[in-house]
Amino acid sequence: MILSHGTLTFPAQHLDTARQMLRDLAAQTRTEEGCLLYLVSENLDTPGQFLITEQWESMDAMQAHLALPGVGEAVQAVQKMGVNDLTITAWEAGGATKIM
């Protein structure tokens, strides 16, 4: 399983557009083969910052997602809105252990 964490921060004037774009991207991504979780959260401590949490069946599934034209278009769109801190880090994980 692949776990991924991403962050990006939008200027205040683009927050409404960003929220809708990220909602749409999340809804589409959740339908993709190999996607186990795609969650977008807004950081309450940092205005305009969003966190993206992902779980994929495999790195191949995540790479297939990243190669889709819509993902590239979304990256270009956020850059045009002034986002310059987009980061994504992925880890390969073993089996899950339920804590509670």
PDB file of N, CA and C in Angstrom:
ATOM      1  N   MET A   1       0.856  -1.178   0.000  1.00  0.00           N
ATOM      2  CA  MET A   1       0.000   0.000   0.000  1.00  0.00           C
ATOM      3  C   MET A   1       0.895   1.232   0.000  1.00  0.00           C
ATOM      4  N   ILE A   2       0.462   2.259  -0.703  1.00  0.00           N
ATOM      5  CA  ILE A   2       1.169   3.532  -0.755  1.00  0.00           C
ATOM      6  C   ILE A   2       0.357   4.565   0.022  1.00  0.00           C
ATOM      7  N   LEU A   3       1.024   5.257   0.935  1.00  0.00           N
ATOM      8  CA  LEU A   3       0.435   6.370   1.673  1.00  0.00           C
ATOM      9  C   LEU A   3       1.090   7.643   1.170  1.00  0.00           C
ATOM     10  N   SER A   4       0.313   8.684   0.998  1.00  0.00           N
ATOM     11  CA  SER A   4       0.829   9.931   0.464  1.00  0.00           C
ATOM     12  C   SER A   4       0.253  11.112   1.227  1.00  0.00           C
ATOM     13  N   HIS A   5       1.092  12.123   1.396  1.00  0.00           N
ATOM     14  CA  HIS A   5       0.677  13.359   2.067  1.00  0.00           C
ATOM     15  C   HIS A   5       1.135  14.526   1.198  1.00  0.00           C
ATOM     16  N   GLY A   6       0.216  15.425   0.896  1.00  0.00           N
ATOM     17  CA  GLY A   6       0.548  16.606   0.103  1.00  0.00           C
ATOM     18  C   GLY A   6       0.053  17.866   0.772  1.00  0.00           C
ATOM     19  N   THR A   7       0.715  18.966   0.470  1.00  0.00           N
ATOM     20  CA  THR A   7       0.273  20.274   0.957  1.00  0.00           C
ATOM     21  C   THR A   7       0.389  21.294  -0.167  1.00  0.00           C
ATOM     22  N   LEU A   8      -0.453  22.288  -0.107  1.00  0.00           N
ATOM     23  CA  LEU A   8      -0.371  23.439  -0.999  1.00  0.00           C
ATOM     24  C   LEU A   8      -1.138  24.589  -0.368  1.00  0.00           C
ATOM     25  N   THR A   9      -0.664  25.805  -0.620  1.00  0.00           N
ATOM     26  CA  THR A   9      -1.261  26.991  -0.008  1.00  0.00           C
ATOM     27  C   THR A   9      -1.666  27.978  -1.090  1.00  0.00           C
ATOM     28  N   PHE A  10      -2.930  28.389  -1.047  1.00  0.00           N
ATOM     29  CA  PHE A  10      -3.480  29.317  -2.031  1.00  0.00           C
ATOM     30  C   PHE A  10      -3.555  30.727  -1.467  1.00  0.00           C
ATOM     31  N   PRO A  11      -3.332  31.728  -2.316  1.00  0.00           N
ATOM     32  CA  PRO A  11      -3.603  33.111  -1.897  1.00  0.00           C
ATOM     33  C   PRO A  11      -5.093  33.277  -1.583  1.00  0.00           C
ATOM     34  N   ALA A  12      -5.385  34.168  -0.665  1.00  0.00           N
ATOM     35  CA  ALA A  12      -6.760  34.352  -0.168  1.00  0.00           C
ATOM     36  C   ALA A  12      -7.772  34.601  -1.288  1.00  0.00           C
ATOM     37  N   GLN A  13      -7.380  35.329  -2.307  1.00  0.00           N
ATOM     38  CA  GLN A  13      -8.344  35.673  -3.366  1.00  0.00           C
ATOM     39  C   GLN A  13      -8.767  34.468  -4.206  1.00  0.00           C
ATOM     40  N   HIS A  14      -8.087  33.339  -4.063  1.00  0.00           N
ATOM     41  CA  HIS A  14      -8.418  32.154  -4.861  1.00  0.00           C
ATOM     42  C   HIS A  14      -9.032  31.018  -4.040  1.00  0.00           C
ATOM     43  N   LEU A  15      -9.355  31.273  -2.786  1.00  0.00           N
ATOM     44  CA  LEU A  15      -9.810  30.179  -1.920  1.00  0.00           C
ATOM     45  C   LEU A  15     -11.106  29.528  -2.387  1.00  0.00           C
ATOM     46  N   ASP A  16     -12.087  30.294  -2.815  1.00  0.00           N
ATOM     47  CA  ASP A  16     -13.344  29.689  -3.259  1.00  0.00           C
ATOM     48  C   ASP A  16     -13.116  28.803  -4.483  1.00  0.00           C
ATOM     49  N   THR A  17     -12.334  29.295  -5.433  1.00  0.00           N
ATOM     50  CA  THR A  17     -12.006  28.515  -6.631  1.00  0.00           C
ATOM     51  C   THR A  17     -11.216  27.267  -6.250  1.00  0.00           C
ATOM     52  N   ALA A  18     -10.268  27.425  -5.340  1.00  0.00           N
ATOM     53  CA  ALA A  18      -9.440  26.299  -4.899  1.00  0.00           C
ATOM     54  C   ALA A  18     -10.288  25.218  -4.245  1.00  0.00           C
ATOM     55  N   ARG A  19     -11.175  25.615  -3.381  1.00  0.00           N
ATOM     56  CA  ARG A  19     -12.025  24.634  -2.695  1.00  0.00           C
ATOM     57  C   ARG A  19     -12.836  23.807  -3.694  1.00  0.00           C
ATOM     58  N   GLN A  20     -13.440  24.478  -4.665  1.00  0.00           N
ATOM     59  CA  GLN A  20     -14.242  23.757  -5.652  1.00  0.00           C
ATOM     60  C   GLN A  20     -13.368  22.859  -6.522  1.00  0.00           C
ATOM     61  N   MET A  21     -12.226  23.360  -6.954  1.00  0.00           N
ATOM     62  CA  MET A  21     -11.326  22.568  -7.784  1.00  0.00           C
ATOM     63  C   MET A  21     -10.857  21.321  -7.034  1.00  0.00           C
ATOM     64  N   LEU A  22     -10.496  21.482  -5.763  1.00  0.00           N
ATOM     65  CA  LEU A  22     -10.027  20.342  -4.974  1.00  0.00           C
ATOM     66  C   LEU A  22     -11.155  19.351  -4.686  1.00  0.00           C
ATOM     67  N   ARG A  23     -12.378  19.849  -4.481  1.00  0.00           N
ATOM     68  CA  ARG A  23     -13.536  18.955  -4.323  1.00  0.00           C
ATOM     69  C   ARG A  23     -13.720  18.097  -5.573  1.00  0.00           C
ATOM     70  N   ASP A  24     -13.673  18.759  -6.733  1.00  0.00           N
ATOM     71  CA  ASP A  24     -13.871  18.055  -8.000  1.00  0.00           C
ATOM     72  C   ASP A  24     -12.755  17.036  -8.240  1.00  0.00           C
ATOM     73  N   LEU A  25     -11.511  17.438  -7.985  1.00  0.00           N
ATOM     74  CA  LEU A  25     -10.379  16.538  -8.170  1.00  0.00           C
ATOM     75  C   LEU A  25     -10.499  15.326  -7.249  1.00  0.00           C
ATOM     76  N   ALA A  26     -10.876  15.558  -6.006  1.00  0.00           N
ATOM     77  CA  ALA A  26     -11.023  14.461  -5.049  1.00  0.00           C
ATOM     78  C   ALA A  26     -12.123  13.493  -5.494  1.00  0.00           C
ATOM     79  N   ALA A  27     -13.249  14.023  -5.916  1.00  0.00           N
ATOM     80  CA  ALA A  27     -14.357  13.162  -6.348  1.00  0.00           C
ATOM     81  C   ALA A  27     -13.949  12.298  -7.539  1.00  0.00           C
ATOM     82  N   GLN A  28     -13.252  12.884  -8.488  1.00  0.00           N
ATOM     83  CA  GLN A  28     -12.790  12.126  -9.659  1.00  0.00           C
ATOM     84  C   GLN A  28     -11.757  11.085  -9.254  1.00  0.00           C
ATOM     85  N   THR A  29     -10.811  11.475  -8.421  1.00  0.00           N
ATOM     86  CA  THR A  29      -9.729  10.568  -8.028  1.00  0.00           C
ATOM     87  C   THR A  29     -10.273   9.356  -7.294  1.00  0.00           C
ATOM     88  N   ARG A  30     -11.271   9.547  -6.465  1.00  0.00           N
ATOM     89  CA  ARG A  30     -11.842   8.431  -5.700  1.00  0.00           C
ATOM     90  C   ARG A  30     -12.439   7.344  -6.585  1.00  0.00           C
ATOM     91  N   THR A  31     -12.726   7.671  -7.840  1.00  0.00           N
ATOM     92  CA  THR A  31     -13.289   6.679  -8.767  1.00  0.00           C
ATOM     93  C   THR A  31     -12.209   5.892  -9.505  1.00  0.00           C
ATOM     94  N   GLU A  32     -10.961   6.292  -9.347  1.00  0.00           N
ATOM     95  CA  GLU A  32      -9.874   5.665 -10.112  1.00  0.00           C
ATOM     96  C   GLU A  32      -9.484   4.310  -9.533  1.00  0.00           C
ATOM     97  N   GLU A  33      -9.096   3.419 -10.427  1.00  0.00           N
ATOM     98  CA  GLU A  33      -8.660   2.095 -10.014  1.00  0.00           C
ATOM     99  C   GLU A  33      -7.444   2.208  -9.098  1.00  0.00           C
ATOM    100  N   GLY A  34      -7.480   1.511  -7.983  1.00  0.00           N
ATOM    101  CA  GLY A  34      -6.362   1.496  -7.055  1.00  0.00           C
ATOM    102  C   GLY A  34      -6.400   2.561  -5.984  1.00  0.00           C
ATOM    103  N   CYS A  35      -7.342   3.500  -6.081  1.00  0.00           N
ATOM    104  CA  CYS A  35      -7.463   4.546  -5.061  1.00  0.00           C
ATOM    105  C   CYS A  35      -8.265   4.003  -3.883  1.00  0.00           C
ATOM    106  N   LEU A  36      -7.635   3.977  -2.726  1.00  0.00           N
ATOM    107  CA  LEU A  36      -8.300   3.514  -1.511  1.00  0.00           C
ATOM    108  C   LEU A  36      -8.822   4.677  -0.671  1.00  0.00           C
ATOM    109  N   LEU A  37      -8.149   5.824  -0.772  1.00  0.00           N
ATOM    110  CA  LEU A  37      -8.544   7.013  -0.009  1.00  0.00           C
ATOM    111  C   LEU A  37      -7.966   8.240  -0.689  1.00  0.00           C
ATOM    112  N   TYR A  38      -8.767   9.282  -0.817  1.00  0.00           N
ATOM    113  CA  TYR A  38      -8.292  10.582  -1.296  1.00  0.00           C
ATOM    114  C   TYR A  38      -9.070  11.626  -0.511  1.00  0.00           C
ATOM    115  N   LEU A  39      -8.396  12.251   0.431  1.00  0.00           N
ATOM    116  CA  LEU A  39      -9.044  13.169   1.355  1.00  0.00           C
ATOM    117  C   LEU A  39      -8.357  14.526   1.297  1.00  0.00           C
ATOM    118  N   VAL A  40      -9.139  15.573   1.107  1.00  0.00           N
ATOM    119  CA  VAL A  40      -8.623  16.943   1.113  1.00  0.00           C
ATOM    120  C   VAL A  40      -9.156  17.641   2.354  1.00  0.00           C
ATOM    121  N   SER A  41      -8.239  18.246   3.109  1.00  0.00           N
ATOM    122  CA  SER A  41      -8.600  18.961   4.333  1.00  0.00           C
ATOM    123  C   SER A  41      -8.009  20.363   4.275  1.00  0.00           C
ATOM    124  N   GLU A  42      -8.681  21.294   4.921  1.00  0.00           N
ATOM    125  CA  GLU A  42      -8.162  22.659   5.016  1.00  0.00           C
ATOM    126  C   GLU A  42      -7.515  22.822   6.387  1.00  0.00           C
ATOM    127  N   ASN A  43      -6.302  23.313   6.409  1.00  0.00           N
ATOM    128  CA  ASN A  43      -5.555  23.504   7.653  1.00  0.00           C
ATOM    129  C   ASN A  43      -6.098  24.733   8.379  1.00  0.00           C
ATOM    130  N   LEU A  44      -6.658  24.538   9.547  1.00  0.00           N
ATOM    131  CA  LEU A  44      -7.251  25.641  10.303  1.00  0.00           C
ATOM    132  C   LEU A  44      -6.204  26.570  10.890  1.00  0.00           C
ATOM    133  N   ASP A  45      -4.961  26.109  11.007  1.00  0.00           N
ATOM    134  CA  ASP A  45      -3.892  26.930  11.578  1.00  0.00           C
ATOM    135  C   ASP A  45      -3.142  27.770  10.554  1.00  0.00           C
ATOM    136  N   THR A  46      -3.265  27.408   9.271  1.00  0.00           N
ATOM    137  CA  THR A  46      -2.565  28.133   8.208  1.00  0.00           C
ATOM    138  C   THR A  46      -3.575  28.511   7.138  1.00  0.00           C
ATOM    139  N   PRO A  47      -4.031  29.754   7.104  1.00  0.00           N
ATOM    140  CA  PRO A  47      -5.040  30.170   6.132  1.00  0.00           C
ATOM    141  C   PRO A  47      -4.621  29.848   4.698  1.00  0.00           C
ATOM    142  N   GLY A  48      -5.531  29.231   3.968  1.00  0.00           N
ATOM    143  CA  GLY A  48      -5.296  28.918   2.565  1.00  0.00           C
ATOM    144  C   GLY A  48      -4.542  27.630   2.309  1.00  0.00           C
ATOM    145  N   GLN A  49      -4.087  26.960   3.366  1.00  0.00           N
ATOM    146  CA  GLN A  49      -3.331  25.721   3.165  1.00  0.00           C
ATOM    147  C   GLN A  49      -4.269  24.511   3.194  1.00  0.00           C
ATOM    148  N   PHE A  50      -4.054  23.628   2.235  1.00  0.00           N
ATOM    149  CA  PHE A  50      -4.826  22.402   2.125  1.00  0.00           C
ATOM    150  C   PHE A  50      -3.891  21.209   2.258  1.00  0.00           C
ATOM    151  N   LEU A  51      -4.411  20.142   2.863  1.00  0.00           N
ATOM    152  CA  LEU A  51      -3.676  18.904   3.042  1.00  0.00           C
ATOM    153  C   LEU A  51      -4.374  17.819   2.229  1.00  0.00           C
ATOM    154  N   ILE A  52      -3.601  17.038   1.524  1.00  0.00           N
ATOM    155  CA  ILE A  52      -4.163  15.943   0.734  1.00  0.00           C
ATOM    156  C   ILE A  52      -3.575  14.643   1.264  1.00  0.00           C
ATOM    157  N   THR A  53      -4.457  13.750   1.698  1.00  0.00           N
ATOM    158  CA  THR A  53      -4.057  12.449   2.222  1.00  0.00           C
ATOM    159  C   THR A  53      -4.552  11.390   1.254  1.00  0.00           C
ATOM    160  N   GLU A  54      -3.645  10.520   0.831  1.00  0.00           N
ATOM    161  CA  GLU A  54      -3.989   9.504  -0.159  1.00  0.00           C
ATOM    162  C   GLU A  54      -3.541   8.125   0.303  1.00  0.00           C
ATOM    163  N   GLN A  55      -4.302   7.107  -0.125  1.00  0.00           N
ATOM    164  CA  GLN A  55      -3.897   5.707   0.003  1.00  0.00           C
ATOM    165  C   GLN A  55      -4.156   5.049  -1.340  1.00  0.00           C
ATOM    166  N   TRP A  56      -3.138   4.348  -1.831  1.00  0.00           N
ATOM    167  CA  TRP A  56      -3.227   3.667  -3.122  1.00  0.00           C
ATOM    168  C   TRP A  56      -2.853   2.204  -2.936  1.00  0.00           C
ATOM    169  N   GLU A  57      -3.428   1.344  -3.745  1.00  0.00           N
ATOM    170  CA  GLU A  57      -3.092  -0.075  -3.696  1.00  0.00           C
ATOM    171  C   GLU A  57      -1.625  -0.317  -4.030  1.00  0.00           C
ATOM    172  N   SER A  58      -1.068   0.505  -4.937  1.00  0.00           N
ATOM    173  CA  SER A  58       0.306   0.309  -5.386  1.00  0.00           C
ATOM    174  C   SER A  58       0.869   1.625  -5.915  1.00  0.00           C
ATOM    175  N   MET A  59       2.192   1.668  -6.055  1.00  0.00           N
ATOM    176  CA  MET A  59       2.827   2.837  -6.649  1.00  0.00           C
ATOM    177  C   MET A  59       2.419   2.973  -8.115  1.00  0.00           C
ATOM    178  N   ASP A  60       2.206   1.853  -8.793  1.00  0.00           N
ATOM    179  CA  ASP A  60       1.746   1.904 -10.181  1.00  0.00           C
ATOM    180  C   ASP A  60       0.399   2.622 -10.278  1.00  0.00           C
ATOM    181  N   ALA A  61      -0.510   2.342  -9.348  1.00  0.00           N
ATOM    182  CA  ALA A  61      -1.826   2.996  -9.356  1.00  0.00           C
ATOM    183  C   ALA A  61      -1.674   4.493  -9.108  1.00  0.00           C
ATOM    184  N   MET A  62      -0.804   4.869  -8.175  1.00  0.00           N
ATOM    185  CA  MET A  62      -0.596   6.290  -7.905  1.00  0.00           C
ATOM    186  C   MET A  62       0.055   6.980  -9.101  1.00  0.00           C
ATOM    187  N   GLN A  63       1.032   6.334  -9.715  1.00  0.00           N
ATOM    188  CA  GLN A  63       1.693   6.915 -10.887  1.00  0.00           C
ATOM    189  C   GLN A  63       0.710   7.061 -12.048  1.00  0.00           C
ATOM    190  N   ALA A  64      -0.198   6.102 -12.210  1.00  0.00           N
ATOM    191  CA  ALA A  64      -1.222   6.209 -13.256  1.00  0.00           C
ATOM    192  C   ALA A  64      -2.100   7.426 -13.009  1.00  0.00           C
ATOM    193  N   HIS A  65      -2.452   7.654 -11.750  1.00  0.00           N
ATOM    194  CA  HIS A  65      -3.231   8.844 -11.387  1.00  0.00           C
ATOM    195  C   HIS A  65      -2.464  10.119 -11.747  1.00  0.00           C
ATOM    196  N   LEU A  66      -1.209  10.182 -11.344  1.00  0.00           N
ATOM    197  CA  LEU A  66      -0.402  11.381 -11.578  1.00  0.00           C
ATOM    198  C   LEU A  66      -0.184  11.651 -13.065  1.00  0.00           C
ATOM    199  N   ALA A  67      -0.247  10.605 -13.887  1.00  0.00           N
ATOM    200  CA  ALA A  67      -0.029  10.757 -15.325  1.00  0.00           C
ATOM    201  C   ALA A  67      -1.279  11.204 -16.087  1.00  0.00           C
ATOM    202  N   LEU A  68      -2.427  11.242 -15.416  1.00  0.00           N
ATOM    203  CA  LEU A  68      -3.661  11.642 -16.095  1.00  0.00           C
ATOM    204  C   LEU A  68      -3.605  13.113 -16.496  1.00  0.00           C
ATOM    205  N   PRO A  69      -4.148  13.444 -17.662  1.00  0.00           N
ATOM    206  CA  PRO A  69      -4.138  14.840 -18.106  1.00  0.00           C
ATOM    207  C   PRO A  69      -4.786  15.791 -17.103  1.00  0.00           C
ATOM    208  N   GLY A  70      -5.860  15.363 -16.451  1.00  0.00           N
ATOM    209  CA  GLY A  70      -6.547  16.227 -15.498  1.00  0.00           C
ATOM    210  C   GLY A  70      -5.680  16.622 -14.316  1.00  0.00           C
ATOM    211  N   VAL A  71      -4.776  15.735 -13.915  1.00  0.00           N
ATOM    212  CA  VAL A  71      -3.878  16.059 -12.808  1.00  0.00           C
ATOM    213  C   VAL A  71      -2.875  17.125 -13.246  1.00  0.00           C
ATOM    214  N   GLY A  72      -2.309  16.955 -14.427  1.00  0.00           N
ATOM    215  CA  GLY A  72      -1.397  17.964 -14.953  1.00  0.00           C
ATOM    216  C   GLY A  72      -2.081  19.316 -15.120  1.00  0.00           C
ATOM    217  N   GLU A  73      -3.315  19.286 -15.580  1.00  0.00           N
ATOM    218  CA  GLU A  73      -4.080  20.531 -15.731  1.00  0.00           C
ATOM    219  C   GLU A  73      -4.330  21.180 -14.375  1.00  0.00           C
ATOM    220  N   ALA A  74      -4.615  20.374 -13.356  1.00  0.00           N
ATOM    221  CA  ALA A  74      -4.839  20.908 -12.014  1.00  0.00           C
ATOM    222  C   ALA A  74      -3.565  21.538 -11.459  1.00  0.00           C
ATOM    223  N   VAL A  75      -2.423  20.902 -11.681  1.00  0.00           N
ATOM    224  CA  VAL A  75      -1.150  21.467 -11.227  1.00  0.00           C
ATOM    225  C   VAL A  75      -0.897  22.808 -11.916  1.00  0.00           C
ATOM    226  N   GLN A  76      -1.120  22.881 -13.199  1.00  0.00           N
ATOM    227  CA  GLN A  76      -0.950  24.149 -13.916  1.00  0.00           C
ATOM    228  C   GLN A  76      -1.902  25.216 -13.385  1.00  0.00           C
ATOM    229  N   ALA A  77      -3.139  24.822 -13.098  1.00  0.00           N
ATOM    230  CA  ALA A  77      -4.127  25.781 -12.594  1.00  0.00           C
ATOM    231  C   ALA A  77      -3.722  26.337 -11.237  1.00  0.00           C
ATOM    232  N   VAL A  78      -3.235  25.482 -10.335  1.00  0.00           N
ATOM    233  CA  VAL A  78      -2.852  25.992  -9.017  1.00  0.00           C
ATOM    234  C   VAL A  78      -1.624  26.883  -9.117  1.00  0.00           C
ATOM    235  N   GLN A  79      -0.713  26.561 -10.027  1.00  0.00           N
ATOM    236  CA  GLN A  79       0.451  27.427 -10.217  1.00  0.00           C
ATOM    237  C   GLN A  79       0.031  28.806 -10.735  1.00  0.00           C
ATOM    238  N   LYS A  80      -0.959  28.838 -11.623  1.00  0.00           N
ATOM    239  CA  LYS A  80      -1.463  30.115 -12.138  1.00  0.00           C
ATOM    240  C   LYS A  80      -2.142  30.939 -11.054  1.00  0.00           C
ATOM    241  N   MET A  81      -2.641  30.261 -10.008  1.00  0.00           N
ATOM    242  CA  MET A  81      -3.265  30.965  -8.885  1.00  0.00           C
ATOM    243  C   MET A  81      -2.236  31.426  -7.856  1.00  0.00           C
ATOM    244  N   GLY A  82      -0.971  31.174  -8.114  1.00  0.00           N
ATOM    245  CA  GLY A  82       0.069  31.657  -7.208  1.00  0.00           C
ATOM    246  C   GLY A  82       0.571  30.647  -6.196  1.00  0.00           C
ATOM    247  N   VAL A  83       0.162  29.390  -6.334  1.00  0.00           N
ATOM    248  CA  VAL A  83       0.658  28.351  -5.428  1.00  0.00           C
ATOM    249  C   VAL A  83       2.083  28.002  -5.850  1.00  0.00           C
ATOM    250  N   ASN A  84       3.004  28.100  -4.908  1.00  0.00           N
ATOM    251  CA  ASN A  84       4.396  27.750  -5.225  1.00  0.00           C
ATOM    252  C   ASN A  84       4.983  26.799  -4.188  1.00  0.00           C
ATOM    253  N   ASP A  85       4.131  26.186  -3.386  1.00  0.00           N
ATOM    254  CA  ASP A  85       4.616  25.288  -2.332  1.00  0.00           C
ATOM    255  C   ASP A  85       3.989  23.893  -2.395  1.00  0.00           C
ATOM    256  N   LEU A  86       3.548  23.475  -3.582  1.00  0.00           N
ATOM    257  CA  LEU A  86       2.945  22.154  -3.726  1.00  0.00           C
ATOM    258  C   LEU A  86       3.989  21.080  -3.440  1.00  0.00           C
ATOM    259  N   THR A  87       3.696  20.217  -2.463  1.00  0.00           N
ATOM    260  CA  THR A  87       4.574  19.092  -2.155  1.00  0.00           C
ATOM    261  C   THR A  87       3.744  17.823  -2.033  1.00  0.00           C
ATOM    262  N   ILE A  88       4.319  16.726  -2.440  1.00  0.00           N
ATOM    263  CA  ILE A  88       3.703  15.413  -2.264  1.00  0.00           C
ATOM    264  C   ILE A  88       4.815  14.452  -1.851  1.00  0.00           C
ATOM    265  N   THR A  89       4.586  13.735  -0.769  1.00  0.00           N
ATOM    266  CA  THR A  89       5.525  12.716  -0.305  1.00  0.00           C
ATOM    267  C   THR A  89       4.754  11.416  -0.163  1.00  0.00           C
ATOM    268  N   ALA A  90       5.345  10.334  -0.665  1.00  0.00           N
ATOM    269  CA  ALA A  90       4.689   9.025  -0.593  1.00  0.00           C
ATOM    270  C   ALA A  90       5.584   8.036   0.134  1.00  0.00           C
ATOM    271  N   TRP A  91       4.943   7.098   0.828  1.00  0.00           N
ATOM    272  CA  TRP A  91       5.629   6.032   1.542  1.00  0.00           C
ATOM    273  C   TRP A  91       5.005   4.709   1.176  1.00  0.00           C
ATOM    274  N   GLU A  92       5.823   3.692   1.076  1.00  0.00           N
ATOM    275  CA  GLU A  92       5.294   2.346   0.899  1.00  0.00           C
ATOM    276  C   GLU A  92       5.100   1.749   2.286  1.00  0.00           C
ATOM    277  N   ALA A  93       3.913   1.233   2.523  1.00  0.00           N
ATOM    278  CA  ALA A  93       3.572   0.721   3.850  1.00  0.00           C
ATOM    279  C   ALA A  93       3.229  -0.756   3.773  1.00  0.00           C
ATOM    280  N   GLY A  94       3.410  -1.429   4.880  1.00  0.00           N
ATOM    281  CA  GLY A  94       2.993  -2.821   4.987  1.00  0.00           C
ATOM    282  C   GLY A  94       1.505  -2.878   5.299  1.00  0.00           C
ATOM    283  N   GLY A  95       1.086  -3.939   5.894  1.00  0.00           N
ATOM    284  CA  GLY A  95      -0.308  -4.104   6.260  1.00  0.00           C
ATOM    285  C   GLY A  95      -0.730  -3.143   7.352  1.00  0.00           C
ATOM    286  N   ALA A  96      -1.986  -2.842   7.369  1.00  0.00           N
ATOM    287  CA  ALA A  96      -2.543  -1.920   8.364  1.00  0.00           C
ATOM    288  C   ALA A  96      -2.743  -2.610   9.700  1.00  0.00           C
ATOM    289  N   THR A  97      -2.576  -1.854  10.776  1.00  0.00           N
ATOM    290  CA  THR A  97      -2.850  -2.318  12.130  1.00  0.00           C
ATOM    291  C   THR A  97      -3.885  -1.400  12.728  1.00  0.00           C
ATOM    292  N   LYS A  98      -5.059  -1.920  13.020  1.00  0.00           N
ATOM    293  CA  LYS A  98      -6.106  -1.095  13.615  1.00  0.00           C
ATOM    294  C   LYS A  98      -5.759  -0.826  15.076  1.00  0.00           C
ATOM    295  N   ILE A  99      -5.701   0.436  15.453  1.00  0.00           N
ATOM    296  CA  ILE A  99      -5.343   0.837  16.809  1.00  0.00           C
ATOM    297  C   ILE A  99      -6.593   0.953  17.692  1.00  0.00           C
ATOM    298  N   MET A 100      -7.677   1.462  17.181  1.00  0.00           N
ATOM    299  CA  MET A 100      -8.929   1.576  17.937  1.00  0.00           C
ATOM    300  C   MET A 100     -10.070   1.167  17.049  1.00  0.00           C
TER     301      MET A 100
END
